[in-house]
Amino acid sequence: MSGERVCEFCSSALPEQRGGRKRRWCSDQCRWKAARARQKADVSVAGIASEVAATAVLDSPVITAQVLIDLAGRIAEGRCDGPEWNAAIDATIGLHRTLVARMRRLNGI
């Protein structure tokens, strides 16, 4: 990559700009959605349906990335070794396979 800046919410390329504060979002809509995602993230997860919590995370590429980074760190540290983590580990392996297949298709491999 050539250091192209991307929207913190949707990961779209940000338009070039001259001077001023660097843009963080590609549009007012993404800025608003990012604010809503931050508000949702500040709310305690206790009592929130898992589907609602999962949707709130997956609606934000930034939060999704942070969850994946944290999960990778926990796996590396051996903090996800119990049988209660088997479903999460299986899903992570499935995600890896899906990403590899997609990258192969995109790169013509």
N, C-alpha and C. Protein backbone atom coordinates (compact mmCIF):
# COMPACT_ATOMS: atom_id res chain seq x y z
N MET A 1 0.82 -1.18 0.00
CA MET A 1 0.00 0.00 0.00
C MET A 1 0.86 1.24 0.00
N SER A 2 0.32 2.30 -0.51
CA SER A 2 1.08 3.54 -0.62
C SER A 2 0.73 4.51 0.49
N GLY A 3 0.29 4.03 1.63
CA GLY A 3 -0.05 4.90 2.73
C GLY A 3 -1.39 5.59 2.52
N GLU A 4 -2.22 5.03 1.66
CA GLU A 4 -3.53 5.61 1.39
C GLU A 4 -4.35 5.59 2.67
N ARG A 5 -4.94 6.73 3.01
CA ARG A 5 -5.76 6.83 4.21
C ARG A 5 -7.16 6.30 3.91
N VAL A 6 -7.72 5.61 4.92
CA VAL A 6 -9.06 5.04 4.75
C VAL A 6 -9.97 5.50 5.88
N CYS A 7 -11.26 5.47 5.59
CA CYS A 7 -12.30 5.82 6.56
C CYS A 7 -12.19 4.88 7.76
N GLU A 8 -12.25 5.43 8.96
CA GLU A 8 -12.16 4.62 10.17
C GLU A 8 -13.40 3.75 10.39
N PHE A 9 -14.48 4.03 9.67
CA PHE A 9 -15.68 3.24 9.86
C PHE A 9 -15.86 2.20 8.77
N CYS A 10 -15.83 2.63 7.49
CA CYS A 10 -16.15 1.69 6.40
C CYS A 10 -14.92 1.24 5.61
N SER A 11 -13.77 1.81 5.90
CA SER A 11 -12.50 1.47 5.24
C SER A 11 -12.43 1.90 3.78
N SER A 12 -13.32 2.79 3.34
CA SER A 12 -13.23 3.36 1.99
C SER A 12 -12.07 4.35 1.95
N ALA A 13 -11.51 4.51 0.76
CA ALA A 13 -10.41 5.47 0.61
C ALA A 13 -10.93 6.88 0.90
N LEU A 14 -10.12 7.64 1.62
CA LEU A 14 -10.48 9.03 1.90
C LEU A 14 -9.98 9.91 0.75
N PRO A 15 -10.77 10.91 0.37
CA PRO A 15 -10.31 11.80 -0.69
C PRO A 15 -9.12 12.61 -0.22
N GLU A 16 -8.25 12.97 -1.17
CA GLU A 16 -7.11 13.80 -0.82
C GLU A 16 -7.60 15.16 -0.38
N GLN A 17 -6.87 15.76 0.54
CA GLN A 17 -7.24 17.09 0.99
C GLN A 17 -5.98 17.89 1.24
N ARG A 18 -6.15 19.19 1.21
CA ARG A 18 -5.01 20.08 1.46
C ARG A 18 -5.24 20.80 2.77
N GLY A 19 -4.24 20.74 3.63
CA GLY A 19 -4.29 21.49 4.88
C GLY A 19 -5.39 21.03 5.81
N GLY A 20 -5.40 21.66 6.99
CA GLY A 20 -6.44 21.37 7.96
C GLY A 20 -6.25 20.04 8.66
N ARG A 21 -7.21 19.72 9.48
CA ARG A 21 -7.20 18.47 10.23
C ARG A 21 -7.43 17.30 9.27
N LYS A 22 -6.69 16.23 9.49
CA LYS A 22 -6.84 15.06 8.62
C LYS A 22 -8.22 14.44 8.85
N ARG A 23 -8.86 14.05 7.74
CA ARG A 23 -10.18 13.42 7.81
C ARG A 23 -10.06 12.04 8.44
N ARG A 24 -11.10 11.66 9.16
CA ARG A 24 -11.15 10.33 9.75
C ARG A 24 -12.23 9.48 9.09
N TRP A 25 -13.23 10.14 8.50
CA TRP A 25 -14.35 9.44 7.89
C TRP A 25 -14.57 9.95 6.48
N CYS A 26 -15.15 9.11 5.64
CA CYS A 26 -15.36 9.48 4.24
C CYS A 26 -16.61 10.33 4.05
N SER A 27 -17.52 10.30 5.02
CA SER A 27 -18.77 11.04 4.88
C SER A 27 -19.35 11.34 6.25
N ASP A 28 -20.32 12.25 6.27
CA ASP A 28 -21.02 12.53 7.53
C ASP A 28 -21.75 11.29 8.03
N GLN A 29 -22.24 10.48 7.10
CA GLN A 29 -22.95 9.26 7.48
C GLN A 29 -22.01 8.32 8.25
N CYS A 30 -20.78 8.14 7.76
CA CYS A 30 -19.83 7.27 8.45
C CYS A 30 -19.41 7.88 9.79
N ARG A 31 -19.26 9.19 9.83
CA ARG A 31 -18.92 9.87 11.10
C ARG A 31 -20.02 9.61 12.12
N TRP A 32 -21.28 9.72 11.68
CA TRP A 32 -22.41 9.50 12.57
C TRP A 32 -22.46 8.03 13.02
N LYS A 33 -22.29 7.11 12.07
CA LYS A 33 -22.32 5.68 12.42
C LYS A 33 -21.19 5.33 13.39
N ALA A 34 -20.02 5.93 13.19
CA ALA A 34 -18.89 5.67 14.09
C ALA A 34 -19.22 6.17 15.50
N ALA A 35 -19.84 7.34 15.59
CA ALA A 35 -20.23 7.88 16.90
C ALA A 35 -21.23 6.95 17.58
N ARG A 36 -22.20 6.46 16.81
CA ARG A 36 -23.20 5.53 17.36
C ARG A 36 -22.52 4.23 17.83
N ALA A 37 -21.57 3.74 17.04
CA ALA A 37 -20.87 2.51 17.42
C ALA A 37 -20.08 2.73 18.71
N ARG A 38 -19.46 3.90 18.85
CA ARG A 38 -18.72 4.20 20.09
C ARG A 38 -19.68 4.26 21.27
N GLN A 39 -20.84 4.88 21.07
CA GLN A 39 -21.84 4.94 22.14
C GLN A 39 -22.28 3.54 22.55
N LYS A 40 -22.53 2.70 21.56
CA LYS A 40 -22.95 1.32 21.85
C LYS A 40 -21.84 0.58 22.58
N ALA A 41 -20.58 0.83 22.20
CA ALA A 41 -19.46 0.14 22.83
C ALA A 41 -19.30 0.58 24.28
N ASP A 42 -19.72 1.81 24.61
CA ASP A 42 -19.61 2.31 25.98
C ASP A 42 -20.65 1.71 26.90
N VAL A 43 -21.72 1.16 26.33
CA VAL A 43 -22.78 0.56 27.13
C VAL A 43 -22.32 -0.81 27.61
N SER A 44 -22.63 -1.14 28.84
CA SER A 44 -22.29 -2.46 29.38
C SER A 44 -22.93 -3.55 28.54
N VAL A 45 -22.19 -4.62 28.30
CA VAL A 45 -22.69 -5.72 27.49
C VAL A 45 -23.72 -6.54 28.27
N ALA A 46 -23.67 -6.47 29.58
CA ALA A 46 -24.61 -7.24 30.40
C ALA A 46 -26.04 -6.86 30.03
N GLY A 47 -26.83 -7.86 29.76
CA GLY A 47 -28.23 -7.61 29.45
C GLY A 47 -28.53 -7.34 27.99
N ILE A 48 -27.51 -7.24 27.16
CA ILE A 48 -27.72 -7.01 25.74
C ILE A 48 -27.75 -8.36 25.04
N ALA A 49 -28.72 -8.57 24.17
CA ALA A 49 -28.80 -9.82 23.42
C ALA A 49 -27.53 -10.00 22.60
N SER A 50 -27.05 -11.22 22.51
CA SER A 50 -25.79 -11.47 21.79
C SER A 50 -25.89 -11.04 20.34
N GLU A 51 -27.06 -11.18 19.72
CA GLU A 51 -27.22 -10.78 18.32
C GLU A 51 -27.05 -9.26 18.17
N VAL A 52 -27.59 -8.52 19.12
CA VAL A 52 -27.49 -7.06 19.09
C VAL A 52 -26.04 -6.64 19.28
N ALA A 53 -25.37 -7.26 20.24
CA ALA A 53 -23.96 -6.94 20.50
C ALA A 53 -23.10 -7.29 19.29
N ALA A 54 -23.34 -8.46 18.70
CA ALA A 54 -22.56 -8.88 17.53
C ALA A 54 -22.78 -7.92 16.36
N THR A 55 -24.01 -7.50 16.14
CA THR A 55 -24.31 -6.57 15.05
C THR A 55 -23.61 -5.24 15.28
N ALA A 56 -23.63 -4.76 16.52
CA ALA A 56 -22.97 -3.49 16.83
C ALA A 56 -21.48 -3.56 16.53
N VAL A 57 -20.85 -4.69 16.84
CA VAL A 57 -19.42 -4.85 16.56
C VAL A 57 -19.18 -4.95 15.06
N LEU A 58 -19.94 -5.80 14.39
CA LEU A 58 -19.71 -6.03 12.96
C LEU A 58 -20.08 -4.85 12.08
N ASP A 59 -20.88 -3.91 12.58
CA ASP A 59 -21.21 -2.71 11.83
C ASP A 59 -20.04 -1.74 11.77
N SER A 60 -19.02 -1.97 12.56
CA SER A 60 -17.85 -1.08 12.58
C SER A 60 -16.58 -1.86 12.27
N PRO A 61 -15.95 -1.59 11.13
CA PRO A 61 -14.69 -2.27 10.82
C PRO A 61 -13.61 -2.02 11.88
N VAL A 62 -13.61 -0.84 12.48
CA VAL A 62 -12.60 -0.52 13.50
C VAL A 62 -12.79 -1.39 14.74
N ILE A 63 -14.03 -1.50 15.21
CA ILE A 63 -14.29 -2.32 16.39
C ILE A 63 -14.09 -3.80 16.08
N THR A 64 -14.52 -4.23 14.90
CA THR A 64 -14.31 -5.62 14.50
C THR A 64 -12.82 -5.96 14.50
N ALA A 65 -12.01 -5.06 13.93
CA ALA A 65 -10.56 -5.28 13.91
C ALA A 65 -10.01 -5.40 15.33
N GLN A 66 -10.48 -4.55 16.23
CA GLN A 66 -9.98 -4.59 17.61
C GLN A 66 -10.35 -5.91 18.28
N VAL A 67 -11.56 -6.40 18.03
CA VAL A 67 -11.98 -7.69 18.60
C VAL A 67 -11.07 -8.81 18.07
N LEU A 68 -10.80 -8.80 16.76
CA LEU A 68 -9.95 -9.84 16.18
C LEU A 68 -8.52 -9.76 16.71
N ILE A 69 -8.00 -8.56 16.87
CA ILE A 69 -6.65 -8.37 17.42
C ILE A 69 -6.60 -8.89 18.85
N ASP A 70 -7.60 -8.52 19.65
CA ASP A 70 -7.65 -8.98 21.04
C ASP A 70 -7.78 -10.50 21.12
N LEU A 71 -8.62 -11.08 20.26
CA LEU A 71 -8.78 -12.54 20.26
C LEU A 71 -7.47 -13.22 19.90
N ALA A 72 -6.78 -12.72 18.88
CA ALA A 72 -5.49 -13.30 18.49
C ALA A 72 -4.49 -13.24 19.65
N GLY A 73 -4.47 -12.13 20.35
CA GLY A 73 -3.57 -11.99 21.50
C GLY A 73 -3.90 -12.98 22.60
N ARG A 74 -5.19 -13.14 22.88
CA ARG A 74 -5.60 -14.09 23.91
C ARG A 74 -5.26 -15.53 23.53
N ILE A 75 -5.46 -15.86 22.25
CA ILE A 75 -5.11 -17.21 21.79
C ILE A 75 -3.61 -17.43 21.94
N ALA A 76 -2.81 -16.44 21.52
CA ALA A 76 -1.35 -16.55 21.62
C ALA A 76 -0.89 -16.71 23.06
N GLU A 77 -1.58 -16.07 23.98
CA GLU A 77 -1.22 -16.15 25.41
C GLU A 77 -1.76 -17.40 26.09
N GLY A 78 -2.53 -18.20 25.36
CA GLY A 78 -3.09 -19.42 25.93
C GLY A 78 -4.30 -19.16 26.82
N ARG A 79 -4.96 -18.01 26.64
CA ARG A 79 -6.11 -17.67 27.47
C ARG A 79 -7.43 -18.18 26.90
N CYS A 80 -7.35 -18.94 25.79
CA CYS A 80 -8.56 -19.49 25.17
C CYS A 80 -8.42 -21.00 24.99
N ASP A 81 -7.83 -21.65 25.98
CA ASP A 81 -7.52 -23.07 25.85
C ASP A 81 -8.62 -24.00 26.35
N GLY A 82 -9.56 -23.51 27.13
CA GLY A 82 -10.59 -24.38 27.71
C GLY A 82 -11.61 -24.81 26.67
N PRO A 83 -12.36 -25.87 26.98
CA PRO A 83 -13.37 -26.39 26.05
C PRO A 83 -14.47 -25.38 25.74
N GLU A 84 -14.68 -24.42 26.63
CA GLU A 84 -15.70 -23.40 26.37
C GLU A 84 -15.32 -22.49 25.20
N TRP A 85 -14.06 -22.51 24.80
CA TRP A 85 -13.58 -21.70 23.69
C TRP A 85 -13.59 -22.44 22.36
N ASN A 86 -13.93 -23.73 22.34
CA ASN A 86 -13.87 -24.53 21.12
C ASN A 86 -14.67 -23.92 19.97
N ALA A 87 -15.89 -23.44 20.24
CA ALA A 87 -16.71 -22.88 19.17
C ALA A 87 -16.07 -21.62 18.60
N ALA A 88 -15.49 -20.78 19.46
CA ALA A 88 -14.83 -19.56 18.99
C ALA A 88 -13.59 -19.90 18.16
N ILE A 89 -12.83 -20.88 18.60
CA ILE A 89 -11.64 -21.29 17.86
C ILE A 89 -12.04 -21.88 16.51
N ASP A 90 -13.06 -22.73 16.48
CA ASP A 90 -13.55 -23.31 15.22
C ASP A 90 -14.02 -22.21 14.27
N ALA A 91 -14.72 -21.22 14.79
CA ALA A 91 -15.19 -20.11 13.96
C ALA A 91 -14.02 -19.30 13.41
N THR A 92 -12.98 -19.14 14.23
CA THR A 92 -11.78 -18.41 13.79
C THR A 92 -11.07 -19.17 12.67
N ILE A 93 -10.99 -20.47 12.80
CA ILE A 93 -10.38 -21.29 11.74
C ILE A 93 -11.21 -21.18 10.46
N GLY A 94 -12.54 -21.22 10.60
CA GLY A 94 -13.41 -21.05 9.43
C GLY A 94 -13.23 -19.69 8.78
N LEU A 95 -13.07 -18.65 9.60
CA LEU A 95 -12.82 -17.31 9.07
C LEU A 95 -11.51 -17.27 8.29
N HIS A 96 -10.49 -17.89 8.84
CA HIS A 96 -9.19 -17.94 8.16
C HIS A 96 -9.31 -18.61 6.80
N ARG A 97 -9.99 -19.74 6.76
CA ARG A 97 -10.16 -20.47 5.48
C ARG A 97 -10.92 -19.62 4.47
N THR A 98 -11.97 -18.92 4.94
CA THR A 98 -12.76 -18.06 4.05
C THR A 98 -11.89 -16.93 3.50
N LEU A 99 -11.09 -16.32 4.36
CA LEU A 99 -10.22 -15.22 3.92
C LEU A 99 -9.16 -15.69 2.93
N VAL A 100 -8.58 -16.84 3.18
CA VAL A 100 -7.57 -17.38 2.26
C VAL A 100 -8.20 -17.67 0.91
N ALA A 101 -9.37 -18.29 0.90
CA ALA A 101 -10.06 -18.59 -0.36
C ALA A 101 -10.40 -17.30 -1.12
N ARG A 102 -10.86 -16.29 -0.39
CA ARG A 102 -11.21 -15.02 -1.03
C ARG A 102 -9.97 -14.35 -1.63
N MET A 103 -8.88 -14.34 -0.89
CA MET A 103 -7.64 -13.73 -1.39
C MET A 103 -7.15 -14.49 -2.63
N ARG A 104 -7.27 -15.80 -2.63
CA ARG A 104 -6.85 -16.58 -3.80
C ARG A 104 -7.70 -16.22 -5.01
N ARG A 105 -9.01 -16.09 -4.81
CA ARG A 105 -9.91 -15.71 -5.92
C ARG A 105 -9.56 -14.31 -6.43
N LEU A 106 -9.35 -13.38 -5.51
CA LEU A 106 -9.05 -11.99 -5.90
C LEU A 106 -7.71 -11.88 -6.63
N ASN A 107 -6.77 -12.73 -6.24
CA ASN A 107 -5.43 -12.68 -6.85
C ASN A 107 -5.27 -13.67 -8.01
N GLY A 108 -6.35 -14.37 -8.36
CA GLY A 108 -6.29 -15.30 -9.48
C GLY A 108 -5.42 -16.50 -9.23
N ILE A 109 -5.31 -16.94 -8.02
CA ILE A 109 -4.45 -18.10 -7.68
C ILE A 109 -5.29 -19.35 -7.71
